[in-house]
């Protein structure tokens, strides 16, 4: 495994949330029930880190609402790309995957 900066999972989740929120067309992030129980820190993202023999893998589950007038498909693609970049910048060499679920149009 390569030597990578040791950001905490919470910091990675926060970076992922900020990247998603900055995406044009994203109205807000929506935490699931677990996020509500954990409080505001979850912000609609759930992040899972796994160390393997091939390196670190990070998976982000993202739930968001889309502004009306924006195509949900375009917004989800842009949010996925933004989150992948934000996490990859903090963990160079990690394999990053992102799942985006649109929960509302507002």
Protein backbone atom coordinates (compact mmCIF):
# COMPACT_ATOMS: atom_id res chain seq x y z
CA UNK A 1 0.00 0.00 0.00
CA UNK A 2 1.30 3.48 -0.83
CA UNK A 3 1.97 6.17 1.73
CA UNK A 4 -1.14 8.41 1.76
CA UNK A 5 -2.21 11.33 3.95
CA UNK A 6 -4.29 10.09 6.86
CA UNK A 7 -7.44 12.22 6.69
CA UNK A 8 -10.12 11.04 9.01
CA UNK A 9 -13.22 9.50 7.54
CA UNK A 10 -15.22 12.46 8.89
CA UNK A 11 -13.00 14.93 7.04
CA UNK A 12 -13.34 12.96 3.83
CA UNK A 13 -17.11 12.90 4.27
CA UNK A 14 -17.13 16.64 4.85
CA UNK A 15 -15.04 17.24 1.72
CA UNK A 16 -17.38 15.01 -0.28
CA UNK A 17 -20.42 16.87 1.04
CA UNK A 18 -18.93 20.29 0.22
CA UNK A 19 -18.05 19.16 -3.31
CA UNK A 20 -21.57 17.86 -3.88
CA UNK A 21 -23.23 20.97 -2.44
CA UNK A 22 -21.15 23.18 -4.75
CA UNK A 23 -22.40 21.32 -7.83
CA UNK A 24 -24.79 23.41 -9.96
CA UNK A 25 -28.33 22.08 -9.66
CA UNK A 26 -27.87 20.51 -6.21
CA UNK A 27 -30.45 22.03 -3.88
CA UNK A 28 -29.25 20.28 -0.72
CA UNK A 29 -28.04 16.96 0.63
CA UNK A 30 -30.50 14.71 2.40
CA UNK A 31 -29.32 12.43 5.17
CA UNK A 32 -31.06 9.08 5.50
CA UNK A 33 -32.53 7.92 8.80
CA UNK A 34 -29.09 6.97 10.10
CA UNK A 35 -27.86 10.48 9.24
CA UNK A 36 -30.71 12.04 11.17
CA UNK A 37 -29.90 9.91 14.19
CA UNK A 38 -26.20 10.80 13.99
CA UNK A 39 -26.90 14.51 13.65
CA UNK A 40 -25.79 17.18 11.23
CA UNK A 41 -22.33 15.68 10.70
CA UNK A 42 -23.61 13.11 8.20
CA UNK A 43 -24.94 15.82 5.81
CA UNK A 44 -26.36 13.34 3.31
CA UNK A 45 -23.16 11.40 2.67
CA UNK A 46 -22.11 8.00 3.90
CA UNK A 47 -18.48 7.10 3.37
CA UNK A 48 -16.87 3.68 3.66
CA UNK A 49 -13.08 3.14 3.58
CA UNK A 50 -11.51 -0.27 3.04
CA UNK A 51 -7.82 -1.18 2.96
CA UNK A 52 -6.96 -4.00 0.55
CA UNK A 53 -3.74 -5.51 -0.72
CA UNK A 54 -4.18 -3.35 -3.84
CA UNK A 55 -4.56 -0.10 -1.86
CA UNK A 56 -7.31 1.85 -0.21
CA UNK A 57 -10.85 1.81 -1.55
CA UNK A 58 -13.36 4.53 -0.71
CA UNK A 59 -17.07 4.35 -1.50
CA UNK A 60 -19.36 7.34 -1.00
CA UNK A 61 -23.16 7.09 -0.93
CA UNK A 62 -24.66 10.48 -1.68
CA UNK A 63 -28.34 11.48 -1.33
CA UNK A 64 -29.39 14.82 -2.74
CA UNK A 65 -32.27 17.00 -3.92
CA UNK A 66 -32.12 18.65 -7.35
CA UNK A 67 -33.37 22.13 -8.24
CA UNK A 68 -36.23 22.13 -10.76
CA UNK A 69 -35.05 23.22 -14.17
CA UNK A 70 -31.94 21.06 -13.97
CA UNK A 71 -31.76 17.59 -15.47
CA UNK A 72 -31.31 15.11 -12.66
CA UNK A 73 -29.02 12.96 -14.81
CA UNK A 74 -26.67 15.88 -15.52
CA UNK A 75 -26.62 16.91 -11.86
CA UNK A 76 -25.89 13.39 -10.63
CA UNK A 77 -23.04 12.97 -13.11
CA UNK A 78 -21.52 16.33 -12.14
CA UNK A 79 -21.92 15.62 -8.41
CA UNK A 80 -20.35 12.16 -8.80
CA UNK A 81 -17.35 13.65 -10.63
CA UNK A 82 -16.94 16.46 -8.08
CA UNK A 83 -17.05 14.05 -5.13
CA UNK A 84 -14.64 11.59 -6.79
CA UNK A 85 -12.16 14.43 -7.35
CA UNK A 86 -12.52 15.81 -3.82
CA UNK A 87 -11.86 12.43 -2.21
CA UNK A 88 -9.06 11.50 -4.66
CA UNK A 89 -7.26 14.79 -3.88
CA UNK A 90 -7.18 13.87 -0.20
CA UNK A 91 -6.28 10.21 -0.73
CA UNK A 92 -4.02 9.99 -3.80
CA UNK A 93 -3.91 6.50 -5.26
CA UNK A 94 -7.13 5.36 -3.60
CA UNK A 95 -9.85 3.76 -5.68
CA UNK A 96 -12.93 6.00 -5.32
CA UNK A 97 -16.52 5.11 -6.24
CA UNK A 98 -19.62 7.23 -5.72
CA UNK A 99 -23.30 6.29 -5.76
CA UNK A 100 -25.74 9.20 -6.15
CA UNK A 101 -29.42 8.93 -5.27
CA UNK A 102 -31.79 11.78 -6.12
CA UNK A 103 -34.41 11.96 -3.39
CA UNK A 104 -36.37 15.05 -4.49
CA UNK A 105 -36.88 17.78 -7.07
CA UNK A 106 -37.41 21.19 -5.46
